[in-house]
C-alpha atoms as a PDB file:
ATOM      1  CA  MET A   1      -0.030  -0.004   0.011  1.00  0.00           C
ATOM      2  CA  GLN A   2       2.806   2.407   0.927  1.00  0.00           C
ATOM      3  CA  ASP A   3       4.365   1.713  -2.515  1.00  0.00           C
ATOM      4  CA  VAL A   4       1.145   2.907  -4.244  1.00  0.00           C
ATOM      5  CA  ILE A   5       1.045   6.021  -2.037  1.00  0.00           C
ATOM      6  CA  ASP A   6       4.641   6.822  -2.825  1.00  0.00           C
ATOM      7  CA  ARG A   7       4.060   6.428  -6.589  1.00  0.00           C
ATOM      8  CA  VAL A   8       0.924   8.631  -6.474  1.00  0.00           C
ATOM      9  CA  THR A   9       2.642  11.382  -4.513  1.00  0.00           C
ATOM     10  CA  ALA A  10       5.668  11.327  -6.821  1.00  0.00           C
ATOM     11  CA  ASN A  11       3.520  11.611  -9.953  1.00  0.00           C
ATOM     12  CA  PRO A  12       3.752  15.149 -11.500  1.00  0.00           C
ATOM     13  CA  LYS A  13       0.074  14.822 -12.438  1.00  0.00           C
ATOM     14  CA  PHE A  14      -0.774  14.415  -8.774  1.00  0.00           C
ATOM     15  CA  LEU A  15       1.173  17.549  -7.781  1.00  0.00           C
ATOM     16  CA  GLU A  16      -0.638  19.478 -10.567  1.00  0.00           C
ATOM     17  CA  PHE A  17      -3.971  18.025  -9.362  1.00  0.00           C
ATOM     18  CA  VAL A  18      -3.278  19.125  -5.766  1.00  0.00           C
ATOM     19  CA  ALA A  19      -2.311  22.572  -6.898  1.00  0.00           C
ATOM     20  CA  VAL A  20      -5.459  22.998  -9.004  1.00  0.00           C
ATOM     21  CA  ARG A  21      -7.680  21.660  -6.174  1.00  0.00           C
ATOM     22  CA  ASN A  22      -6.069  23.940  -3.611  1.00  0.00           C
ATOM     23  CA  ARG A  23      -6.372  27.011  -5.812  1.00  0.00           C
ATOM     24  CA  TYR A  24     -10.049  26.250  -6.443  1.00  0.00           C
ATOM     25  CA  SER A  25     -10.725  25.671  -2.744  1.00  0.00           C
ATOM     26  CA  ILE A  26      -8.999  28.910  -1.762  1.00  0.00           C
ATOM     27  CA  MET A  27     -10.852  30.857  -4.459  1.00  0.00           C
ATOM     28  CA  MET A  28     -14.233  29.485  -3.308  1.00  0.00           C
ATOM     29  CA  THR A  29     -13.371  30.178   0.325  1.00  0.00           C
ATOM     30  CA  LEU A  30     -12.414  33.764  -0.471  1.00  0.00           C
ATOM     31  CA  VAL A  31     -15.556  34.381  -2.488  1.00  0.00           C
ATOM     32  CA  SER A  32     -17.714  32.959   0.317  1.00  0.00           C
ATOM     33  CA  ALA A  33     -15.856  34.936   3.016  1.00  0.00           C
ATOM     34  CA  ALA A  34     -16.165  38.117   0.891  1.00  0.00           C
ATOM     35  CA  ALA A  35     -19.959  37.663   0.757  1.00  0.00           C
ATOM     36  CA  TYR A  36     -20.236  37.225   4.527  1.00  0.00           C
ATOM     37  CA  TYR A  37     -17.749  39.929   5.461  1.00  0.00           C
ATOM     38  CA  GLY A  38     -19.220  42.269   2.824  1.00  0.00           C
ATOM     39  CA  PHE A  39     -22.642  41.865   4.472  1.00  0.00           C
ATOM     40  CA  ILE A  40     -21.125  42.547   7.939  1.00  0.00           C
ATOM     41  CA  LEU A  41     -19.420  45.647   6.591  1.00  0.00           C
ATOM     42  CA  LEU A  42     -22.712  46.745   5.052  1.00  0.00           C
ATOM     43  CA  VAL A  43     -24.360  46.299   8.454  1.00  0.00           C
ATOM     44  CA  ALA A  44     -21.565  48.228  10.152  1.00  0.00           C
ATOM     45  CA  PHE A  45     -21.445  51.152   7.786  1.00  0.00           C
ATOM     46  CA  GLN A  46     -24.883  51.269   6.110  1.00  0.00           C
ATOM     47  CA  GLY A  47     -27.088  50.130   9.002  1.00  0.00           C
ATOM     48  CA  PRO A  48     -29.710  52.845   8.599  1.00  0.00           C
ATOM     49  CA  TRP A  49     -30.044  52.053   4.892  1.00  0.00           C
ATOM     50  CA  LEU A  50     -30.398  48.322   5.587  1.00  0.00           C
ATOM     51  CA  GLY A  51     -33.128  49.170   8.109  1.00  0.00           C
ATOM     52  CA  THR A  52     -35.211  50.965   5.459  1.00  0.00           C
ATOM     53  CA  LYS A  53     -38.566  49.293   5.009  1.00  0.00           C
ATOM     54  CA  LEU A  54     -39.227  47.702   1.630  1.00  0.00           C
ATOM     55  CA  GLY A  55     -42.533  49.538   1.254  1.00  0.00           C
ATOM     56  CA  ALA A  56     -45.211  51.442   3.012  1.00  0.00           C
ATOM     57  CA  GLY A  57     -46.877  49.364   5.722  1.00  0.00           C
ATOM     58  CA  MET A  58     -44.262  46.597   5.392  1.00  0.00           C
ATOM     59  CA  THR A  59     -42.296  45.305   8.354  1.00  0.00           C
ATOM     60  CA  THR A  60     -39.463  43.769   6.275  1.00  0.00           C
ATOM     61  CA  SER A  61     -36.386  45.890   5.760  1.00  0.00           C
ATOM     62  CA  ILE A  62     -33.900  45.897   2.903  1.00  0.00           C
ATOM     63  CA  GLY A  63     -31.371  44.021   5.033  1.00  0.00           C
ATOM     64  CA  VAL A  64     -33.519  40.882   5.300  1.00  0.00           C
ATOM     65  CA  PRO A  65     -33.536  39.882   1.606  1.00  0.00           C
ATOM     66  CA  ILE A  66     -29.872  40.822   1.296  1.00  0.00           C
ATOM     67  CA  GLY A  67     -29.016  38.617   4.281  1.00  0.00           C
ATOM     68  CA  VAL A  68     -31.024  35.737   2.885  1.00  0.00           C
ATOM     69  CA  GLY A  69     -29.308  36.348  -0.459  1.00  0.00           C
ATOM     70  CA  VAL A  70     -25.891  35.980   1.183  1.00  0.00           C
ATOM     71  CA  ILE A  71     -26.941  32.664   2.743  1.00  0.00           C
ATOM     72  CA  VAL A  72     -28.418  31.377  -0.542  1.00  0.00           C
ATOM     73  CA  PHE A  73     -25.320  32.526  -2.407  1.00  0.00           C
ATOM     74  CA  THR A  74     -22.985  30.561  -0.162  1.00  0.00           C
ATOM     75  CA  ILE A  75     -25.217  27.504  -0.321  1.00  0.00           C
ATOM     76  CA  ILE A  76     -24.946  27.683  -4.107  1.00  0.00           C
ATOM     77  CA  LEU A  77     -21.146  28.105  -3.891  1.00  0.00           C
ATOM     78  CA  THR A  78     -21.005  25.020  -1.674  1.00  0.00           C
ATOM     79  CA  TRP A  79     -23.129  23.040  -4.140  1.00  0.00           C
ATOM     80  CA  ILE A  80     -20.802  24.097  -6.982  1.00  0.00           C
ATOM     81  CA  TYR A  81     -17.736  23.040  -5.032  1.00  0.00           C
ATOM     82  CA  VAL A  82     -19.234  19.678  -3.971  1.00  0.00           C
ATOM     83  CA  ARG A  83     -20.331  18.976  -7.534  1.00  0.00           C
ATOM     84  CA  ARG A  84     -16.845  19.605  -8.926  1.00  0.00           C
ATOM     85  CA  ALA A  85     -15.184  17.717  -6.029  1.00  0.00           C
ATOM     86  CA  ASN A  86     -17.421  14.711  -6.486  1.00  0.00           C
ATOM     87  CA  GLY A  87     -17.068  14.757 -10.255  1.00  0.00           C
ATOM     88  CA  GLU A  88     -13.809  16.072 -11.681  1.00  0.00           C
ATOM     89  CA  PHE A  89     -11.680  15.803  -8.545  1.00  0.00           C
ATOM     90  CA  ASP A  90     -12.812  12.285  -7.645  1.00  0.00           C
ATOM     91  CA  GLU A  91     -12.266  11.063 -11.209  1.00  0.00           C
ATOM     92  CA  THR A  92      -8.779  12.541 -11.394  1.00  0.00           C
ATOM     93  CA  ASN A  93      -7.958  10.992  -7.999  1.00  0.00           C
ATOM     94  CA  ALA A  94      -9.205   7.582  -9.122  1.00  0.00           C
ATOM     95  CA  ARG A  95      -7.169   7.798 -12.383  1.00  0.00           C
ATOM     96  CA  LEU A  96      -4.035   8.642 -10.449  1.00  0.00           C
ATOM     97  CA  ILE A  97      -4.508   5.768  -8.090  1.00  0.00           C
ATOM     98  CA  ALA A  98      -5.241   3.354 -10.916  1.00  0.00           C
ATOM     99  CA  GLU A  99      -2.154   4.535 -12.769  1.00  0.00           C
ATOM    100  CA  ALA A 100       0.018   4.015  -9.639  1.00  0.00           C
ATOM    101  CA  GLN A 101      -1.368   0.497  -9.116  1.00  0.00           C
ATOM    102  CA  LYS A 102      -0.179  -0.718 -12.531  1.00  0.00           C
END
C-alpha cells in the first residue's frame, strides 16, 4: 500500500492536481468569505439604509432579503464546489490511483 502512495505522490500529475484543487478551494473560500464579510461591513457602515422598510406598511427591511441572499449565495457556492469535487476531482484522483497500481 505504501508503494502505491509513494508512486501517487511522486507523480507530477498528482502535484498538478493538488495545486489545482487547492487554488479552487482557496478561491471558493475567499468568495464565500467576501460575501459574509461584505454583508457585515454593510451592516456596520450602512445600518440605517439596511433598516429601510421595503414599502409602506411593510415590516421587512432591505437588510432581510440581502441577508437571505448571502446565505443562498454561499449554499450555491458550496453546491458548486461539492459537484466539482465529487465529479472532476474524484475522477482525477481515481485515475491517479489506478495509474499508480499498474
